[in-house]
Amino acid sequence: MKSINHRIKPVLIAVLVAIISFVLLMFFGCNPAKQLTKAENKVLANVESVERVRAKTDALYPCNTDTIVSDQHDTTYIPSPPKYIRHIDTLRRNDTVYFFQTDTAEFEKIRTITNTKIVTDTREVNKLKDTITNLRIQREWYKSTNNEKNETISAAKKERNTLLWWAIGIGVLGVLSHVGRSYLKL
């Protein structure tokens, strides 16, 4: 009997150690909240990944504080054609019969209410305003660079025209000196 108890004791200790280690691993090793905070910290540490995540989630989850909801109520009354109802009553008194005819006209009004909800995400509006201002800044920059290019081109044209007039003048002087030498026979 001692040999059987002696064999069971190490197995029992090994099983208990395995169970305790499994329980500890389940509590501390696979904590989804801890994994989520680690993933959030990784994303928040990288600016580019924050911008990518934000671009994808902005359309899915608009911010309630940046959302304007306005209700517009439109009530219209549409009259329907009247319905005429005729009632005929008879009354007998002695040998006389009295006929009473009453005509009633019923008017029904149909009331239509139209509710319109307009939801505007001001965060998207602000993004569009920012892109408009960026495009305006780029346009002004292009205008200024275009003006600078035009000024350099006009300065080059003036210089070219000056050189052209100098060349024409030198050519005319050369022709005139040749004509003058031939008459004077120098």
C-alpha atoms as a PDB file:
ATOM      1  CA  MET A   1       0.000   0.000   0.000  1.00  0.00           C
ATOM      2  CA  LYS A   2       2.799   2.410   0.632  1.00  0.00           C
ATOM      3  CA  SER A   3       3.950   2.081  -2.908  1.00  0.00           C
ATOM      4  CA  ILE A   4       0.519   3.053  -4.316  1.00  0.00           C
ATOM      5  CA  ASN A   5       0.272   6.178  -2.087  1.00  0.00           C
ATOM      6  CA  HIS A   6       3.833   7.021  -2.959  1.00  0.00           C
ATOM      7  CA  ARG A   7       2.964   6.964  -6.688  1.00  0.00           C
ATOM      8  CA  ILE A   8      -0.301   8.956  -6.343  1.00  0.00           C
ATOM      9  CA  LYS A   9       1.248  11.849  -4.414  1.00  0.00           C
ATOM     10  CA  PRO A  10       3.549  13.183  -7.211  1.00  0.00           C
ATOM     11  CA  VAL A  11       0.796  12.795  -9.803  1.00  0.00           C
ATOM     12  CA  LEU A  12      -1.647  14.650  -7.581  1.00  0.00           C
ATOM     13  CA  ILE A  13       0.879  17.453  -7.031  1.00  0.00           C
ATOM     14  CA  ALA A  14       1.544  17.668 -10.786  1.00  0.00           C
ATOM     15  CA  VAL A  15      -2.197  17.867 -11.531  1.00  0.00           C
ATOM     16  CA  LEU A  16      -2.715  20.573  -8.892  1.00  0.00           C
ATOM     17  CA  VAL A  17       0.244  22.574 -10.255  1.00  0.00           C
ATOM     18  CA  ALA A  18      -1.185  22.245 -13.778  1.00  0.00           C
ATOM     19  CA  ILE A  19      -4.642  23.401 -12.656  1.00  0.00           C
ATOM     20  CA  ILE A  20      -3.249  26.357 -10.696  1.00  0.00           C
ATOM     21  CA  SER A  21      -0.991  27.400 -13.575  1.00  0.00           C
ATOM     22  CA  PHE A  22      -3.922  27.093 -16.024  1.00  0.00           C
ATOM     23  CA  VAL A  23      -6.104  29.273 -13.788  1.00  0.00           C
ATOM     24  CA  LEU A  24      -3.325  31.858 -13.429  1.00  0.00           C
ATOM     25  CA  LEU A  25      -2.790  31.890 -17.192  1.00  0.00           C
ATOM     26  CA  MET A  26      -6.503  32.396 -17.802  1.00  0.00           C
ATOM     27  CA  PHE A  27      -6.686  35.332 -15.375  1.00  0.00           C
ATOM     28  CA  PHE A  28      -3.486  37.120 -16.327  1.00  0.00           C
ATOM     29  CA  GLY A  29      -2.316  35.845 -19.711  1.00  0.00           C
ATOM     30  CA  CYS A  30      -5.338  36.256 -22.007  1.00  0.00           C
ATOM     31  CA  ASN A  31      -6.912  39.425 -20.674  1.00  0.00           C
ATOM     32  CA  PRO A  32      -8.799  41.042 -23.590  1.00  0.00           C
ATOM     33  CA  ALA A  33      -8.963  44.415 -21.841  1.00  0.00           C
ATOM     34  CA  LYS A  34      -5.204  44.431 -21.490  1.00  0.00           C
ATOM     35  CA  GLN A  35      -4.768  43.464 -25.146  1.00  0.00           C
ATOM     36  CA  LEU A  36      -7.172  46.215 -26.163  1.00  0.00           C
ATOM     37  CA  THR A  37      -5.281  48.870 -24.204  1.00  0.00           C
ATOM     38  CA  LYS A  38      -2.006  47.668 -25.730  1.00  0.00           C
ATOM     39  CA  ALA A  39      -3.491  47.929 -29.222  1.00  0.00           C
ATOM     40  CA  GLU A  40      -4.884  51.406 -28.462  1.00  0.00           C
ATOM     41  CA  ASN A  41      -1.503  52.563 -27.184  1.00  0.00           C
ATOM     42  CA  LYS A  42       0.185  51.259 -30.343  1.00  0.00           C
ATOM     43  CA  VAL A  43      -2.280  53.132 -32.552  1.00  0.00           C
ATOM     44  CA  LEU A  44      -2.091  56.334 -30.516  1.00  0.00           C
ATOM     45  CA  ALA A  45       1.703  56.280 -30.599  1.00  0.00           C
ATOM     46  CA  ASN A  46       1.717  56.453 -34.411  1.00  0.00           C
ATOM     47  CA  VAL A  47       0.200  59.656 -35.851  1.00  0.00           C
ATOM     48  CA  GLU A  48      -0.359  58.209 -39.325  1.00  0.00           C
ATOM     49  CA  SER A  49      -2.310  55.266 -37.971  1.00  0.00           C
ATOM     50  CA  VAL A  50      -4.465  57.605 -35.869  1.00  0.00           C
ATOM     51  CA  GLU A  51      -5.335  59.589 -39.007  1.00  0.00           C
ATOM     52  CA  ARG A  52      -6.149  56.404 -40.952  1.00  0.00           C
ATOM     53  CA  VAL A  53      -8.366  55.058 -38.162  1.00  0.00           C
ATOM     54  CA  ARG A  54     -10.081  58.413 -37.764  1.00  0.00           C
ATOM     55  CA  ALA A  55     -10.745  58.711 -41.495  1.00  0.00           C
ATOM     56  CA  LYS A  56     -12.418  55.311 -41.471  1.00  0.00           C
ATOM     57  CA  THR A  57     -14.476  55.838 -38.307  1.00  0.00           C
ATOM     58  CA  ASP A  58     -15.652  59.423 -38.914  1.00  0.00           C
ATOM     59  CA  ALA A  59     -18.212  58.343 -41.475  1.00  0.00           C
ATOM     60  CA  LEU A  60     -19.436  55.451 -39.339  1.00  0.00           C
ATOM     61  CA  TYR A  61     -19.664  57.264 -36.000  1.00  0.00           C
ATOM     62  CA  PRO A  62     -20.473  60.958 -36.322  1.00  0.00           C
ATOM     63  CA  CYS A  63     -19.900  62.943 -33.176  1.00  0.00           C
ATOM     64  CA  ASN A  64     -23.128  63.884 -31.379  1.00  0.00           C
ATOM     65  CA  THR A  65     -21.750  67.138 -30.040  1.00  0.00           C
ATOM     66  CA  ASP A  66     -20.876  68.218 -33.588  1.00  0.00           C
ATOM     67  CA  THR A  67     -24.258  67.241 -35.019  1.00  0.00           C
ATOM     68  CA  ILE A  68     -27.077  69.711 -35.554  1.00  0.00           C
ATOM     69  CA  VAL A  69     -30.583  68.267 -35.770  1.00  0.00           C
ATOM     70  CA  SER A  70     -33.371  70.544 -36.896  1.00  0.00           C
ATOM     71  CA  ASP A  71     -37.013  69.624 -37.296  1.00  0.00           C
ATOM     72  CA  GLN A  72     -39.197  71.270 -39.870  1.00  0.00           C
ATOM     73  CA  HIS A  73     -42.932  70.826 -39.582  1.00  0.00           C
ATOM     74  CA  ASP A  74     -45.143  71.440 -42.574  1.00  0.00           C
ATOM     75  CA  THR A  75     -48.893  71.252 -42.048  1.00  0.00           C
ATOM     76  CA  THR A  76     -51.314  71.453 -44.946  1.00  0.00           C
ATOM     77  CA  TYR A  77     -55.068  71.292 -44.943  1.00  0.00           C
ATOM     78  CA  ILE A  78     -56.743  69.859 -48.011  1.00  0.00           C
ATOM     79  CA  PRO A  79     -60.517  70.348 -48.149  1.00  0.00           C
ATOM     80  CA  SER A  80     -62.474  67.501 -49.651  1.00  0.00           C
ATOM     81  CA  PRO A  81     -65.707  67.974 -51.584  1.00  0.00           C
ATOM     82  CA  PRO A  82     -68.757  68.149 -49.322  1.00  0.00           C
ATOM     83  CA  LYS A  83     -70.978  65.119 -48.736  1.00  0.00           C
ATOM     84  CA  TYR A  84     -74.707  65.822 -48.792  1.00  0.00           C
ATOM     85  CA  ILE A  85     -76.921  63.658 -46.598  1.00  0.00           C
ATOM     86  CA  ARG A  86     -80.690  63.890 -46.850  1.00  0.00           C
ATOM     87  CA  HIS A  87     -82.933  62.842 -43.956  1.00  0.00           C
ATOM     88  CA  ILE A  88     -86.660  62.452 -44.379  1.00  0.00           C
ATOM     89  CA  ASP A  89     -88.809  62.177 -41.291  1.00  0.00           C
ATOM     90  CA  THR A  90     -92.529  61.622 -41.098  1.00  0.00           C
ATOM     91  CA  LEU A  91     -94.888  62.684 -38.375  1.00  0.00           C
ATOM     92  CA  ARG A  92     -98.522  61.639 -38.079  1.00  0.00           C
ATOM     93  CA  ARG A  93    -101.056  63.682 -36.283  1.00  0.00           C
ATOM     94  CA  ASN A  94    -104.573  62.590 -36.543  1.00  0.00           C
ATOM     95  CA  ASP A  95    -105.234  62.230 -40.235  1.00  0.00           C
ATOM     96  CA  THR A  96    -102.382  64.456 -41.329  1.00  0.00           C
ATOM     97  CA  VAL A  97     -98.922  63.228 -42.275  1.00  0.00           C
ATOM     98  CA  TYR A  98     -96.046  65.703 -42.095  1.00  0.00           C
ATOM     99  CA  PHE A  99     -92.836  65.144 -44.033  1.00  0.00           C
ATOM    100  CA  PHE A 100     -89.656  66.786 -42.797  1.00  0.00           C
ATOM    101  CA  GLN A 101     -86.732  66.863 -45.147  1.00  0.00           C
ATOM    102  CA  THR A 102     -83.328  67.949 -43.839  1.00  0.00           C
ATOM    103  CA  ASP A 103     -80.220  68.226 -45.960  1.00  0.00           C
ATOM    104  CA  THR A 104     -76.856  68.290 -44.209  1.00  0.00           C
ATOM    105  CA  ALA A 105     -73.496  68.913 -45.794  1.00  0.00           C
ATOM    106  CA  GLU A 106     -70.432  67.341 -44.193  1.00  0.00           C
ATOM    107  CA  PHE A 107     -66.988  68.718 -44.853  1.00  0.00           C
ATOM    108  CA  GLU A 108     -63.903  66.675 -44.118  1.00  0.00           C
ATOM    109  CA  LYS A 109     -60.471  68.193 -43.850  1.00  0.00           C
ATOM    110  CA  ILE A 110     -57.444  66.048 -44.279  1.00  0.00           C
ATOM    111  CA  ARG A 111     -54.428  67.152 -42.261  1.00  0.00           C
ATOM    112  CA  THR A 112     -51.035  66.176 -43.557  1.00  0.00           C
ATOM    113  CA  ILE A 113     -47.929  66.712 -41.420  1.00  0.00           C
ATOM    114  CA  THR A 114     -44.503  66.329 -42.939  1.00  0.00           C
ATOM    115  CA  ASN A 115     -41.555  66.075 -40.561  1.00  0.00           C
ATOM    116  CA  THR A 116     -38.139  66.589 -42.043  1.00  0.00           C
ATOM    117  CA  LYS A 117     -35.001  66.017 -40.027  1.00  0.00           C
ATOM    118  CA  ILE A 118     -31.815  67.582 -41.268  1.00  0.00           C
ATOM    119  CA  VAL A 119     -28.657  66.183 -39.728  1.00  0.00           C
ATOM    120  CA  THR A 120     -25.463  68.083 -40.363  1.00  0.00           C
ATOM    121  CA  ASP A 121     -22.141  66.857 -39.099  1.00  0.00           C
ATOM    122  CA  THR A 122     -20.202  70.062 -38.506  1.00  0.00           C
ATOM    123  CA  ARG A 123     -16.967  68.108 -38.296  1.00  0.00           C
ATOM    124  CA  GLU A 124     -17.346  67.205 -41.975  1.00  0.00           C
ATOM    125  CA  VAL A 125     -18.332  70.790 -42.794  1.00  0.00           C
ATOM    126  CA  ASN A 126     -15.217  72.043 -41.016  1.00  0.00           C
ATOM    127  CA  LYS A 127     -13.075  69.558 -42.961  1.00  0.00           C
ATOM    128  CA  LEU A 128     -14.540  70.836 -46.220  1.00  0.00           C
ATOM    129  CA  LYS A 129     -13.927  74.443 -45.129  1.00  0.00           C
ATOM    130  CA  ASP A 130     -10.331  73.541 -44.343  1.00  0.00           C
ATOM    131  CA  THR A 131      -9.868  72.002 -47.794  1.00  0.00           C
ATOM    132  CA  ILE A 132     -11.375  75.123 -49.370  1.00  0.00           C
ATOM    133  CA  THR A 133      -8.956  77.373 -47.482  1.00  0.00           C
ATOM    134  CA  ASN A 134      -6.041  75.109 -48.420  1.00  0.00           C
ATOM    135  CA  LEU A 135      -7.078  75.253 -52.074  1.00  0.00           C
ATOM    136  CA  ARG A 136      -7.343  79.054 -51.875  1.00  0.00           C
ATOM    137  CA  ILE A 137      -3.845  79.238 -50.362  1.00  0.00           C
ATOM    138  CA  GLN A 138      -2.509  77.002 -53.142  1.00  0.00           C
ATOM    139  CA  ARG A 139      -4.256  79.146 -55.756  1.00  0.00           C
ATOM    140  CA  GLU A 140      -2.656  82.318 -54.357  1.00  0.00           C
ATOM    141  CA  TRP A 141       0.741  80.612 -54.312  1.00  0.00           C
ATOM    142  CA  TYR A 142       0.314  79.538 -57.935  1.00  0.00           C
ATOM    143  CA  LYS A 143      -0.757  83.072 -58.854  1.00  0.00           C
ATOM    144  CA  SER A 144       2.317  84.553 -57.174  1.00  0.00           C
ATOM    145  CA  THR A 145       4.683  82.072 -58.835  1.00  0.00           C
ATOM    146  CA  ASN A 146       2.956  82.691 -62.160  1.00  0.00           C
ATOM    147  CA  ASN A 147       3.390  86.457 -61.707  1.00  0.00           C
ATOM    148  CA  GLU A 148       7.072  85.961 -60.921  1.00  0.00           C
ATOM    149  CA  LYS A 149       7.474  83.823 -64.036  1.00  0.00           C
ATOM    150  CA  ASN A 150       5.683  86.448 -66.130  1.00  0.00           C
ATOM    151  CA  GLU A 151       7.961  89.168 -64.757  1.00  0.00           C
ATOM    152  CA  THR A 152      11.111  87.174 -65.581  1.00  0.00           C
ATOM    153  CA  ILE A 153       9.772  86.413 -69.068  1.00  0.00           C
ATOM    154  CA  SER A 154       8.981  90.092 -69.714  1.00  0.00           C
ATOM    155  CA  ALA A 155      12.449  91.117 -68.440  1.00  0.00           C
ATOM    156  CA  ALA A 156      14.054  88.562 -70.782  1.00  0.00           C
ATOM    157  CA  LYS A 157      11.960  89.873 -73.688  1.00  0.00           C
ATOM    158  CA  LYS A 158      13.060  93.455 -72.952  1.00  0.00           C
ATOM    159  CA  GLU A 159      16.699  92.373 -72.862  1.00  0.00           C
ATOM    160  CA  ARG A 160      16.287  90.449 -76.118  1.00  0.00           C
ATOM    161  CA  ASN A 161      14.617  93.441 -77.792  1.00  0.00           C
ATOM    162  CA  THR A 162      17.450  95.708 -76.629  1.00  0.00           C
ATOM    163  CA  LEU A 163      20.058  93.332 -78.042  1.00  0.00           C
ATOM    164  CA  LEU A 164      18.091  93.070 -81.287  1.00  0.00           C
ATOM    165  CA  TRP A 165      18.000  96.860 -81.695  1.00  0.00           C
ATOM    166  CA  TRP A 166      21.727  97.046 -80.972  1.00  0.00           C
ATOM    167  CA  ALA A 167      22.391  94.404 -83.642  1.00  0.00           C
ATOM    168  CA  ILE A 168      20.194  96.252 -86.159  1.00  0.00           C
ATOM    169  CA  GLY A 169      21.986  99.520 -85.373  1.00  0.00           C
ATOM    170  CA  ILE A 170      25.430  97.942 -85.783  1.00  0.00           C
ATOM    171  CA  GLY A 171      24.338  96.384 -89.074  1.00  0.00           C
ATOM    172  CA  VAL A 172      23.007  99.705 -90.378  1.00  0.00           C
ATOM    173  CA  LEU A 173      26.247 101.452 -89.313  1.00  0.00           C
ATOM    174  CA  GLY A 174      28.274  98.774 -91.106  1.00  0.00           C
ATOM    175  CA  VAL A 175      26.279  99.236 -94.314  1.00  0.00           C
ATOM    176  CA  LEU A 176      26.514 103.024 -94.075  1.00  0.00           C
ATOM    177  CA  SER A 177      30.299 102.904 -93.472  1.00  0.00           C
ATOM    178  CA  HIS A 178      30.730 100.607 -96.479  1.00  0.00           C
ATOM    179  CA  VAL A 179      28.632 102.942 -98.675  1.00  0.00           C
ATOM    180  CA  GLY A 180      30.527 105.993 -97.345  1.00  0.00           C
ATOM    181  CA  ARG A 181      33.949 104.400 -98.058  1.00  0.00           C
ATOM    182  CA  SER A 182      32.923 103.485-101.565  1.00  0.00           C
ATOM    183  CA  TYR A 183      31.885 107.070-102.354  1.00  0.00           C
ATOM    184  CA  LEU A 184      34.903 108.576-100.726  1.00  0.00           C
ATOM    185  CA  LYS A 185      37.227 105.934-102.086  1.00  0.00           C
ATOM    186  CA  LEU A 186      39.097 105.460 -98.911  1.00  0.00           C
END
